[in-house]
C-alpha cells in the first residue's frame, strides 16, 4: 500500500525515473514476503502472479522512460501499482471464506 501511495502522489517525471530508497526498500520487503509466503504455503493461487505486473510497472519507467513518453509511463505506473493490491484483496477474501467454512 505504501508503494501505491508513493507512486500515486508522484507528479514529477524524475520521481518515476529514479526510484527513491524507501520505495525500493518497500519493494524488496514485498518481494521477500512473497518468497516467505511461497515457502510457508506451497499452493500458488492464480492471483499471486498479478503482483509481478506491479513490479514490472515500477521497473519499466526506470529503464525506458524519457521526457517524450512521460505521460504513458505515469499512467502505466498508476495502473500497474494497483496489481500490488489485487492479490491482497483476493487473499483476504480467500482467508475469510476459509474461516467461514471452518466455523460450519
PDB file of N, CA and C in Angstrom:
ATOM      1  N   UNK A   1       0.816  -1.186   0.000  1.00  0.00           N
ATOM      2  CA  UNK A   1       0.000   0.000   0.000  1.00  0.00           C
ATOM      3  C   UNK A   1       0.869   1.263   0.000  1.00  0.00           C
ATOM      4  N   UNK A   2       1.962   1.240   0.730  1.00  0.00           N
ATOM      5  CA  UNK A   2       2.856   2.399   0.788  1.00  0.00           C
ATOM      6  C   UNK A   2       3.461   2.666  -0.585  1.00  0.00           C
ATOM      7  N   UNK A   3       3.791   1.607  -1.307  1.00  0.00           N
ATOM      8  CA  UNK A   3       4.338   1.751  -2.656  1.00  0.00           C
ATOM      9  C   UNK A   3       3.316   2.432  -3.555  1.00  0.00           C
ATOM     10  N   UNK A   4       2.057   2.006  -3.454  1.00  0.00           N
ATOM     11  CA  UNK A   4       0.997   2.595  -4.270  1.00  0.00           C
ATOM     12  C   UNK A   4       0.845   4.081  -3.989  1.00  0.00           C
ATOM     13  N   UNK A   5       0.764   4.441  -2.727  1.00  0.00           N
ATOM     14  CA  UNK A   5       0.586   5.845  -2.357  1.00  0.00           C
ATOM     15  C   UNK A   5       1.759   6.678  -2.846  1.00  0.00           C
ATOM     16  N   UNK A   6       2.957   6.155  -2.722  1.00  0.00           N
ATOM     17  CA  UNK A   6       4.141   6.873  -3.177  1.00  0.00           C
ATOM     18  C   UNK A   6       4.056   7.185  -4.672  1.00  0.00           C
ATOM     19  N   UNK A   7       3.675   6.209  -5.461  1.00  0.00           N
ATOM     20  CA  UNK A   7       3.599   6.433  -6.906  1.00  0.00           C
ATOM     21  C   UNK A   7       2.370   7.243  -7.308  1.00  0.00           C
ATOM     22  N   UNK A   8       1.263   7.095  -6.624  1.00  0.00           N
ATOM     23  CA  UNK A   8       0.056   7.847  -6.975  1.00  0.00           C
ATOM     24  C   UNK A   8       0.202   9.329  -6.679  1.00  0.00           C
ATOM     25  N   UNK A   9       1.008   9.687  -5.684  1.00  0.00           N
ATOM     26  CA  UNK A   9       1.215  11.092  -5.342  1.00  0.00           C
ATOM     27  C   UNK A   9       2.272  11.748  -6.223  1.00  0.00           C
ATOM     28  N   UNK A  10       2.983  10.959  -6.988  1.00  0.00           N
ATOM     29  CA  UNK A  10       4.073  11.468  -7.807  1.00  0.00           C
ATOM     30  C   UNK A  10       3.536  12.135  -9.065  1.00  0.00           C
ATOM     31  N   UNK A  11       3.961  13.361  -9.275  1.00  0.00           N
ATOM     32  CA  UNK A  11       3.620  14.086 -10.495  1.00  0.00           C
ATOM     33  C   UNK A  11       4.873  14.463 -11.291  1.00  0.00           C
ATOM     34  N   UNK A  12       6.031  14.326 -10.689  1.00  0.00           N
ATOM     35  CA  UNK A  12       7.263  14.700 -11.355  1.00  0.00           C
ATOM     36  C   UNK A  12       7.847  13.510 -12.097  1.00  0.00           C
ATOM     37  N   UNK A  13       8.352  13.780 -13.265  1.00  0.00           N
ATOM     38  CA  UNK A  13       8.945  12.728 -14.093  1.00  0.00           C
ATOM     39  C   UNK A  13      10.154  12.094 -13.415  1.00  0.00           C
ATOM     40  N   UNK A  14      10.946  12.898 -12.731  1.00  0.00           N
ATOM     41  CA  UNK A  14      12.152  12.372 -12.090  1.00  0.00           C
ATOM     42  C   UNK A  14      11.818  11.374 -10.976  1.00  0.00           C
ATOM     43  N   UNK A  15      10.634  11.500 -10.374  1.00  0.00           N
ATOM     44  CA  UNK A  15      10.250  10.597  -9.284  1.00  0.00           C
ATOM     45  C   UNK A  15       9.944   9.183  -9.783  1.00  0.00           C
ATOM     46  N   UNK A  16       9.461   9.050 -11.029  1.00  0.00           N
ATOM     47  CA  UNK A  16       9.243   7.693 -11.540  1.00  0.00           C
ATOM     48  C   UNK A  16      10.486   7.170 -12.247  1.00  0.00           C
ATOM     49  N   UNK A  17      11.320   8.061 -12.702  1.00  0.00           N
ATOM     50  CA  UNK A  17      12.551   7.650 -13.374  1.00  0.00           C
ATOM     51  C   UNK A  17      13.604   7.170 -12.381  1.00  0.00           C
ATOM     52  N   UNK A  18      13.655   7.789 -11.215  1.00  0.00           N
ATOM     53  CA  UNK A  18      14.618   7.418 -10.180  1.00  0.00           C
ATOM     54  C   UNK A  18      13.839   7.001  -8.938  1.00  0.00           C
ATOM     55  N   UNK A  19      13.787   5.705  -8.701  1.00  0.00           N
ATOM     56  CA  UNK A  19      13.033   5.167  -7.574  1.00  0.00           C
ATOM     57  C   UNK A  19      13.733   5.560  -6.271  1.00  0.00           C
ATOM     58  N   UNK A  20      12.945   6.071  -5.331  1.00  0.00           N
ATOM     59  CA  UNK A  20      13.528   6.502  -4.052  1.00  0.00           C
ATOM     60  C   UNK A  20      13.949   5.288  -3.219  1.00  0.00           C
ATOM     61  N   UNK A  21      14.856   5.517  -2.301  1.00  0.00           N
ATOM     62  CA  UNK A  21      15.368   4.438  -1.448  1.00  0.00           C
ATOM     63  C   UNK A  21      14.254   3.820  -0.593  1.00  0.00           C
ATOM     64  N   UNK A  22      13.384   4.610   0.058  1.00  0.00           N
ATOM     65  CA  UNK A  22      12.300   3.981   0.830  1.00  0.00           C
ATOM     66  C   UNK A  22      11.365   3.124  -0.032  1.00  0.00           C
ATOM     67  N   UNK A  23      11.069   3.589  -1.241  1.00  0.00           N
ATOM     68  CA  UNK A  23      10.223   2.806  -2.138  1.00  0.00           C
ATOM     69  C   UNK A  23      10.929   1.524  -2.560  1.00  0.00           C
ATOM     70  N   UNK A  24      12.214   1.605  -2.812  1.00  0.00           N
ATOM     71  CA  UNK A  24      12.990   0.419  -3.167  1.00  0.00           C
ATOM     72  C   UNK A  24      13.004  -0.573  -2.002  1.00  0.00           C
ATOM     73  N   UNK A  25      13.157  -0.065  -0.791  1.00  0.00           N
ATOM     74  CA  UNK A  25      13.142  -0.949   0.387  1.00  0.00           C
ATOM     75  C   UNK A  25      11.790  -1.635   0.546  1.00  0.00           C
ATOM     76  N   UNK A  26      10.718  -0.871   0.376  1.00  0.00           N
ATOM     77  CA  UNK A  26       9.375  -1.456   0.488  1.00  0.00           C
ATOM     78  C   UNK A  26       9.146  -2.499  -0.596  1.00  0.00           C
ATOM     79  N   UNK A  27       9.647  -2.251  -1.799  1.00  0.00           N
ATOM     80  CA  UNK A  27       9.521  -3.225  -2.885  1.00  0.00           C
ATOM     81  C   UNK A  27      10.284  -4.505  -2.562  1.00  0.00           C
ATOM     82  N   UNK A  28      11.482  -4.358  -2.008  1.00  0.00           N
ATOM     83  CA  UNK A  28      12.274  -5.535  -1.624  1.00  0.00           C
ATOM     84  C   UNK A  28      11.579  -6.306  -0.503  1.00  0.00           C
ATOM     85  N   UNK A  29      11.002  -5.590   0.446  1.00  0.00           N
ATOM     86  CA  UNK A  29      10.253  -6.243   1.525  1.00  0.00           C
ATOM     87  C   UNK A  29       9.052  -6.998   0.966  1.00  0.00           C
ATOM     88  N   UNK A  30       8.354  -6.387   0.010  1.00  0.00           N
ATOM     89  CA  UNK A  30       7.203  -7.020  -0.631  1.00  0.00           C
ATOM     90  C   UNK A  30       7.626  -8.314  -1.338  1.00  0.00           C
ATOM     91  N   UNK A  31       8.721  -8.260  -2.062  1.00  0.00           N
ATOM     92  CA  UNK A  31       9.232  -9.444  -2.753  1.00  0.00           C
ATOM     93  C   UNK A  31       9.656 -10.506  -1.734  1.00  0.00           C
ATOM     94  N   UNK A  32      10.333 -10.090  -0.672  1.00  0.00           N
ATOM     95  CA  UNK A  32      10.747 -11.026   0.373  1.00  0.00           C
ATOM     96  C   UNK A  32       9.566 -11.716   1.037  1.00  0.00           C
ATOM     97  N   UNK A  33       8.500 -10.960   1.300  1.00  0.00           N
ATOM     98  CA  UNK A  33       7.304 -11.561   1.890  1.00  0.00           C
ATOM     99  C   UNK A  33       6.671 -12.584   0.954  1.00  0.00           C
ATOM    100  N   UNK A  34       6.746 -12.320  -0.348  1.00  0.00           N
ATOM    101  CA  UNK A  34       6.233 -13.303  -1.314  1.00  0.00           C
ATOM    102  C   UNK A  34       7.045 -14.596  -1.264  1.00  0.00           C
ATOM    103  N   UNK A  35       8.358 -14.480  -1.139  1.00  0.00           N
ATOM    104  CA  UNK A  35       9.193 -15.687  -1.039  1.00  0.00           C
ATOM    105  C   UNK A  35       8.873 -16.473   0.227  1.00  0.00           C
ATOM    106  N   UNK A  36       8.719 -15.771   1.342  1.00  0.00           N
ATOM    107  CA  UNK A  36       8.382 -16.437   2.604  1.00  0.00           C
ATOM    108  C   UNK A  36       7.017 -17.116   2.491  1.00  0.00           C
ATOM    109  N   UNK A  37       6.085 -16.419   1.887  1.00  0.00           N
ATOM    110  CA  UNK A  37       4.742 -16.990   1.710  1.00  0.00           C
ATOM    111  C   UNK A  37       4.790 -18.255   0.854  1.00  0.00           C
ATOM    112  N   UNK A  38       5.604 -18.238  -0.176  1.00  0.00           N
ATOM    113  CA  UNK A  38       5.719 -19.421  -1.042  1.00  0.00           C
ATOM    114  C   UNK A  38       6.316 -20.610  -0.298  1.00  0.00           C
ATOM    115  N   UNK A  39       7.219 -20.334   0.635  1.00  0.00           N
ATOM    116  CA  UNK A  39       7.814 -21.419   1.429  1.00  0.00           C
ATOM    117  C   UNK A  39       6.794 -21.969   2.423  1.00  0.00           C
ATOM    118  N   UNK A  40       6.060 -21.067   3.079  1.00  0.00           N
ATOM    119  CA  UNK A  40       5.096 -21.490   4.092  1.00  0.00           C
ATOM    120  C   UNK A  40       3.832 -22.104   3.492  1.00  0.00           C
ATOM    121  N   UNK A  41       3.390 -21.564   2.373  1.00  0.00           N
ATOM    122  CA  UNK A  41       2.172 -22.039   1.711  1.00  0.00           C
ATOM    123  C   UNK A  41       2.510 -22.391   0.261  1.00  0.00           C
ATOM    124  N   UNK A  42       2.867 -23.654  -0.003  1.00  0.00           N
ATOM    125  CA  UNK A  42       3.331 -24.028  -1.346  1.00  0.00           C
ATOM    126  C   UNK A  42       2.270 -23.901  -2.444  1.00  0.00           C
ATOM    127  N   UNK A  43       0.997 -23.909  -2.063  1.00  0.00           N
ATOM    128  CA  UNK A  43      -0.049 -23.781  -3.079  1.00  0.00           C
ATOM    129  C   UNK A  43      -0.049 -22.346  -3.627  1.00  0.00           C
ATOM    130  N   UNK A  44       0.078 -22.214  -4.917  1.00  0.00           N
ATOM    131  CA  UNK A  44       0.128 -20.897  -5.552  1.00  0.00           C
ATOM    132  C   UNK A  44      -1.206 -20.649  -6.245  1.00  0.00           C
ATOM    133  N   UNK A  45      -1.896 -19.627  -5.808  1.00  0.00           N
ATOM    134  CA  UNK A  45      -3.172 -19.241  -6.416  1.00  0.00           C
ATOM    135  C   UNK A  45      -2.892 -18.366  -7.637  1.00  0.00           C
ATOM    136  N   UNK A  46      -3.852 -18.289  -8.531  1.00  0.00           N
ATOM    137  CA  UNK A  46      -3.649 -17.542  -9.773  1.00  0.00           C
ATOM    138  C   UNK A  46      -3.412 -16.070  -9.511  1.00  0.00           C
ATOM    139  N   UNK A  47      -4.011 -15.507  -8.495  1.00  0.00           N
ATOM    140  CA  UNK A  47      -3.867 -14.073  -8.246  1.00  0.00           C
ATOM    141  C   UNK A  47      -2.501 -13.692  -7.684  1.00  0.00           C
ATOM    142  N   UNK A  48      -1.751 -14.638  -7.199  1.00  0.00           N
ATOM    143  CA  UNK A  48      -0.413 -14.323  -6.695  1.00  0.00           C
ATOM    144  C   UNK A  48       0.521 -13.852  -7.807  1.00  0.00           C
ATOM    145  N   UNK A  49       0.237 -14.246  -9.025  1.00  0.00           N
ATOM    146  CA  UNK A  49       1.086 -13.840 -10.149  1.00  0.00           C
ATOM    147  C   UNK A  49       0.843 -12.386 -10.561  1.00  0.00           C
ATOM    148  N   UNK A  50      -0.262 -11.803 -10.144  1.00  0.00           N
ATOM    149  CA  UNK A  50      -0.586 -10.431 -10.534  1.00  0.00           C
ATOM    150  C   UNK A  50       0.394  -9.405  -9.958  1.00  0.00           C
ATOM    151  N   UNK A  51       1.003  -9.722  -8.838  1.00  0.00           N
ATOM    152  CA  UNK A  51       1.930  -8.764  -8.231  1.00  0.00           C
ATOM    153  C   UNK A  51       3.152  -8.519  -9.117  1.00  0.00           C
ATOM    154  N   UNK A  52       3.477  -9.477  -9.964  1.00  0.00           N
ATOM    155  CA  UNK A  52       4.616  -9.287 -10.867  1.00  0.00           C
ATOM    156  C   UNK A  52       4.334  -8.184 -11.890  1.00  0.00           C
ATOM    157  N   UNK A  53       3.070  -7.994 -12.242  1.00  0.00           N
ATOM    158  CA  UNK A  53       2.716  -6.889 -13.138  1.00  0.00           C
ATOM    159  C   UNK A  53       3.043  -5.564 -12.457  1.00  0.00           C
ATOM    160  N   UNK A  54       2.748  -5.479 -11.160  1.00  0.00           N
ATOM    161  CA  UNK A  54       3.087  -4.274 -10.398  1.00  0.00           C
ATOM    162  C   UNK A  54       4.584  -4.026 -10.355  1.00  0.00           C
ATOM    163  N   UNK A  55       5.353  -5.096 -10.163  1.00  0.00           N
ATOM    164  CA  UNK A  55       6.817  -4.947 -10.134  1.00  0.00           C
ATOM    165  C   UNK A  55       7.356  -4.494 -11.488  1.00  0.00           C
ATOM    166  N   UNK A  56       6.814  -5.041 -12.556  1.00  0.00           N
ATOM    167  CA  UNK A  56       7.247  -4.637 -13.903  1.00  0.00           C
ATOM    168  C   UNK A  56       6.881  -3.173 -14.151  1.00  0.00           C
ATOM    169  N   UNK A  57       5.717  -2.756 -13.651  1.00  0.00           N
ATOM    170  CA  UNK A  57       5.310  -1.362 -13.863  1.00  0.00           C
ATOM    171  C   UNK A  57       6.215  -0.374 -13.142  1.00  0.00           C
ATOM    172  N   UNK A  58       6.903  -0.820 -12.108  1.00  0.00           N
ATOM    173  CA  UNK A  58       7.874   0.041 -11.432  1.00  0.00           C
ATOM    174  C   UNK A  58       9.208   0.033 -12.175  1.00  0.00           C
ATOM    175  N   UNK A  59       9.588  -1.108 -12.705  1.00  0.00           N
ATOM    176  CA  UNK A  59      10.896  -1.253 -13.340  1.00  0.00           C
ATOM    177  C   UNK A  59      10.948  -0.611 -14.730  1.00  0.00           C
ATOM    178  N   UNK A  60       9.907  -0.777 -15.535  1.00  0.00           N
ATOM    179  CA  UNK A  60       9.934  -0.275 -16.915  1.00  0.00           C
ATOM    180  C   UNK A  60      10.209   1.226 -17.033  1.00  0.00           C
ATOM    181  N   UNK A  61       9.568   2.088 -16.236  1.00  0.00           N
ATOM    182  CA  UNK A  61       9.900   3.510 -16.371  1.00  0.00           C
ATOM    183  C   UNK A  61      11.361   3.823 -16.067  1.00  0.00           C
ATOM    184  N   UNK A  62      11.935   3.115 -15.138  1.00  0.00           N
ATOM    185  CA  UNK A  62      13.342   3.349 -14.808  1.00  0.00           C
ATOM    186  C   UNK A  62      14.217   3.054 -16.023  1.00  0.00           C
ATOM    187  N   UNK A  63      13.853   2.027 -16.766  1.00  0.00           N
ATOM    188  CA  UNK A  63      14.673   1.612 -17.906  1.00  0.00           C
ATOM    189  C   UNK A  63      14.374   2.373 -19.195  1.00  0.00           C
ATOM    190  N   UNK A  64      13.089   2.673 -19.450  1.00  0.00           N
ATOM    191  CA  UNK A  64      12.716   3.155 -20.782  1.00  0.00           C
ATOM    192  C   UNK A  64      12.091   4.544 -20.846  1.00  0.00           C
ATOM    193  N   UNK A  65      11.720   5.129 -19.740  1.00  0.00           N
ATOM    194  CA  UNK A  65      11.018   6.417 -19.786  1.00  0.00           C
ATOM    195  C   UNK A  65      11.948   7.549 -20.180  1.00  0.00           C
ATOM    196  N   UNK A  66      11.401   8.462 -20.957  1.00  0.00           N
ATOM    197  CA  UNK A  66      12.095   9.706 -21.268  1.00  0.00           C
ATOM    198  C   UNK A  66      11.057  10.821 -21.319  1.00  0.00           C
ATOM    199  N   UNK A  67      11.480  12.030 -21.534  1.00  0.00           N
ATOM    200  CA  UNK A  67      10.548  13.157 -21.458  1.00  0.00           C
ATOM    201  C   UNK A  67       9.475  13.126 -22.545  1.00  0.00           C
ATOM    202  N   UNK A  68       9.717  12.461 -23.646  1.00  0.00           N
ATOM    203  CA  UNK A  68       8.712  12.429 -24.712  1.00  0.00           C
ATOM    204  C   UNK A  68       7.590  11.425 -24.445  1.00  0.00           C
ATOM    205  N   UNK A  69       7.859  10.378 -23.681  1.00  0.00           N
ATOM    206  CA  UNK A  69       6.811   9.394 -23.391  1.00  0.00           C
ATOM    207  C   UNK A  69       6.456   9.365 -21.906  1.00  0.00           C
ATOM    208  N   UNK A  70       6.686  10.460 -21.237  1.00  0.00           N
ATOM    209  CA  UNK A  70       6.484  10.534 -19.795  1.00  0.00           C
ATOM    210  C   UNK A  70       5.037  10.264 -19.379  1.00  0.00           C
ATOM    211  N   UNK A  71       4.050  10.751 -20.115  1.00  0.00           N
ATOM    212  CA  UNK A  71       2.645  10.551 -19.749  1.00  0.00           C
ATOM    213  C   UNK A  71       2.253   9.081 -19.780  1.00  0.00           C
ATOM    214  N   UNK A  72       2.766   8.357 -20.736  1.00  0.00           N
ATOM    215  CA  UNK A  72       2.468   6.921 -20.837  1.00  0.00           C
ATOM    216  C   UNK A  72       2.981   6.204 -19.598  1.00  0.00           C
ATOM    217  N   UNK A  73       4.179   6.533 -19.164  1.00  0.00           N
ATOM    218  CA  UNK A  73       4.748   5.858 -18.006  1.00  0.00           C
ATOM    219  C   UNK A  73       4.101   6.291 -16.700  1.00  0.00           C
ATOM    220  N   UNK A  74       3.635   7.527 -16.602  1.00  0.00           N
ATOM    221  CA  UNK A  74       2.862   7.933 -15.428  1.00  0.00           C
ATOM    222  C   UNK A  74       1.589   7.086 -15.336  1.00  0.00           C
ATOM    223  N   UNK A  75       0.904   6.956 -16.447  1.00  0.00           N
ATOM    224  CA  UNK A  75      -0.319   6.155 -16.496  1.00  0.00           C
ATOM    225  C   UNK A  75      -0.019   4.691 -16.169  1.00  0.00           C
ATOM    226  N   UNK A  76       1.035   4.162 -16.752  1.00  0.00           N
ATOM    227  CA  UNK A  76       1.391   2.766 -16.536  1.00  0.00           C
ATOM    228  C   UNK A  76       1.730   2.499 -15.070  1.00  0.00           C
ATOM    229  N   UNK A  77       2.452   3.389 -14.426  1.00  0.00           N
ATOM    230  CA  UNK A  77       2.802   3.210 -13.022  1.00  0.00           C
ATOM    231  C   UNK A  77       1.553   3.313 -12.143  1.00  0.00           C
ATOM    232  N   UNK A  78       0.693   4.280 -12.431  1.00  0.00           N
ATOM    233  CA  UNK A  78      -0.522   4.439 -11.624  1.00  0.00           C
ATOM    234  C   UNK A  78      -1.420   3.205 -11.712  1.00  0.00           C
ATOM    235  N   UNK A  79      -1.619   2.684 -12.902  1.00  0.00           N
ATOM    236  CA  UNK A  79      -2.460   1.494 -13.092  1.00  0.00           C
ATOM    237  C   UNK A  79      -1.717   0.243 -12.641  1.00  0.00           C
ATOM    238  N   UNK A  80      -0.458   0.136 -12.966  1.00  0.00           N
ATOM    239  CA  UNK A  80       0.322  -1.060 -12.648  1.00  0.00           C
ATOM    240  C   UNK A  80       0.461  -1.323 -11.162  1.00  0.00           C
ATOM    241  N   UNK A  81       0.577  -0.257 -10.376  1.00  0.00           N
ATOM    242  CA  UNK A  81       0.704  -0.477  -8.940  1.00  0.00           C
ATOM    243  C   UNK A  81      -0.582  -0.981  -8.300  1.00  0.00           C
ATOM    244  N   UNK A  82      -1.698  -0.861  -8.988  1.00  0.00           N
ATOM    245  CA  UNK A  82      -2.936  -1.485  -8.493  1.00  0.00           C
ATOM    246  C   UNK A  82      -2.781  -2.999  -8.381  1.00  0.00           C
ATOM    247  N   UNK A  83      -1.922  -3.563  -9.200  1.00  0.00           N
ATOM    248  CA  UNK A  83      -1.717  -5.008  -9.179  1.00  0.00           C
ATOM    249  C   UNK A  83      -0.988  -5.476  -7.916  1.00  0.00           C
ATOM    250  N   UNK A  84      -0.491  -4.547  -7.109  1.00  0.00           N
ATOM    251  CA  UNK A  84       0.019  -4.914  -5.782  1.00  0.00           C
ATOM    252  C   UNK A  84      -1.141  -5.147  -4.815  1.00  0.00           C
ATOM    253  N   UNK A  85      -2.231  -4.432  -5.026  1.00  0.00           N
ATOM    254  CA  UNK A  85      -3.371  -4.511  -4.114  1.00  0.00           C
ATOM    255  C   UNK A  85      -4.320  -5.661  -4.430  1.00  0.00           C
ATOM    256  N   UNK A  86      -4.455  -5.996  -5.694  1.00  0.00           N
ATOM    257  CA  UNK A  86      -5.408  -7.037  -6.107  1.00  0.00           C
ATOM    258  C   UNK A  86      -5.125  -8.369  -5.421  1.00  0.00           C
ATOM    259  N   UNK A  87      -3.885  -8.874  -5.376  1.00  0.00           N
ATOM    260  CA  UNK A  87      -3.656 -10.145  -4.682  1.00  0.00           C
ATOM    261  C   UNK A  87      -3.989 -10.083  -3.190  1.00  0.00           C
ATOM    262  N   UNK A  88      -3.776  -8.939  -2.574  1.00  0.00           N
ATOM    263  CA  UNK A  88      -4.098  -8.802  -1.151  1.00  0.00           C
ATOM    264  C   UNK A  88      -5.605  -8.917  -0.934  1.00  0.00           C
ATOM    265  N   UNK A  89      -6.383  -8.280  -1.796  1.00  0.00           N
ATOM    266  CA  UNK A  89      -7.838  -8.354  -1.679  1.00  0.00           C
ATOM    267  C   UNK A  89      -8.320  -9.787  -1.872  1.00  0.00           C
ATOM    268  N   UNK A  90      -7.822 -10.464  -2.893  1.00  0.00           N
ATOM    269  CA  UNK A  90      -8.217 -11.858  -3.125  1.00  0.00           C
ATOM    270  C   UNK A  90      -7.771 -12.764  -1.974  1.00  0.00           C
ATOM    271  N   UNK A  91      -6.589 -12.515  -1.443  1.00  0.00           N
ATOM    272  CA  UNK A  91      -6.073 -13.332  -0.343  1.00  0.00           C
ATOM    273  C   UNK A  91      -6.915 -13.153   0.914  1.00  0.00           C
ATOM    274  N   UNK A  92      -7.283 -11.911   1.219  1.00  0.00           N
ATOM    275  CA  UNK A  92      -8.145 -11.668   2.372  1.00  0.00           C
ATOM    276  C   UNK A  92      -9.519 -12.307   2.191  1.00  0.00           C
ATOM    277  N   UNK A  93     -10.050 -12.239   0.985  1.00  0.00           N
ATOM    278  CA  UNK A  93     -11.338 -12.875   0.716  1.00  0.00           C
ATOM    279  C   UNK A  93     -11.232 -14.394   0.850  1.00  0.00           C
ATOM    280  N   UNK A  94     -10.175 -14.974   0.342  1.00  0.00           N
ATOM    281  CA  UNK A  94      -9.962 -16.415   0.463  1.00  0.00           C
ATOM    282  C   UNK A  94      -9.815 -16.822   1.927  1.00  0.00           C
ATOM    283  N   UNK A  95      -9.091 -16.022   2.676  1.00  0.00           N
ATOM    284  CA  UNK A  95      -8.923 -16.277   4.102  1.00  0.00           C
ATOM    285  C   UNK A  95     -10.262 -16.192   4.835  1.00  0.00           C
ATOM    286  N   UNK A  96     -11.089 -15.182   4.494  1.00  0.00           N
ATOM    287  CA  UNK A  96     -12.413 -15.016   5.092  1.00  0.00           C
ATOM    288  C   UNK A  96     -13.304 -16.212   4.784  1.00  0.00           C
ATOM    289  N   UNK A  97     -13.287 -16.671   3.544  1.00  0.00           N
ATOM    290  CA  UNK A  97     -14.094 -17.829   3.159  1.00  0.00           C
ATOM    291  C   UNK A  97     -13.631 -19.096   3.870  1.00  0.00           C
ATOM    292  N   UNK A  98     -12.337 -19.247   4.061  1.00  0.00           N
ATOM    293  CA  UNK A  98     -11.801 -20.408   4.780  1.00  0.00           C
ATOM    294  C   UNK A  98     -12.241 -20.390   6.235  1.00  0.00           C
ATOM    295  N   UNK A  99     -12.179 -19.229   6.865  1.00  0.00           N
ATOM    296  CA  UNK A  99     -12.625 -19.112   8.250  1.00  0.00           C
ATOM    297  C   UNK A  99     -14.116 -19.398   8.373  1.00  0.00           C
ATOM    298  N   UNK A 100     -14.887 -18.918   7.405  1.00  0.00           N
ATOM    299  CA  UNK A 100     -16.331 -19.137   7.404  1.00  0.00           C
ATOM    300  C   UNK A 100     -16.649 -20.617   7.243  1.00  0.00           C
ATOM    301  N   UNK A 101     -15.890 -21.291   6.381  1.00  0.00           N
ATOM    302  CA  UNK A 101     -16.079 -22.720   6.138  1.00  0.00           C
ATOM    303  C   UNK A 101     -15.704 -23.528   7.378  1.00  0.00           C
ATOM    304  N   UNK A 102     -14.640 -23.143   8.072  1.00  0.00           N
ATOM    305  CA  UNK A 102     -14.195 -23.836   9.269  1.00  0.00           C
ATOM    306  C   UNK A 102     -15.177 -23.726  10.424  1.00  0.00           C
ATOM    307  N   UNK A 103     -15.931 -22.634  10.484  1.00  0.00           N
ATOM    308  CA  UNK A 103     -16.915 -22.437  11.555  1.00  0.00           C
ATOM    309  C   UNK A 103     -18.114 -23.377  11.400  1.00  0.00           C
ATOM    310  N   UNK A 104     -18.397 -23.794  10.181  1.00  0.00           N
ATOM    311  CA  UNK A 104     -19.565 -24.666   9.944  1.00  0.00           C
ATOM    312  C   UNK A 104     -19.301 -26.066  10.333  1.00  0.00           C
TER     313      UNK A 104
END
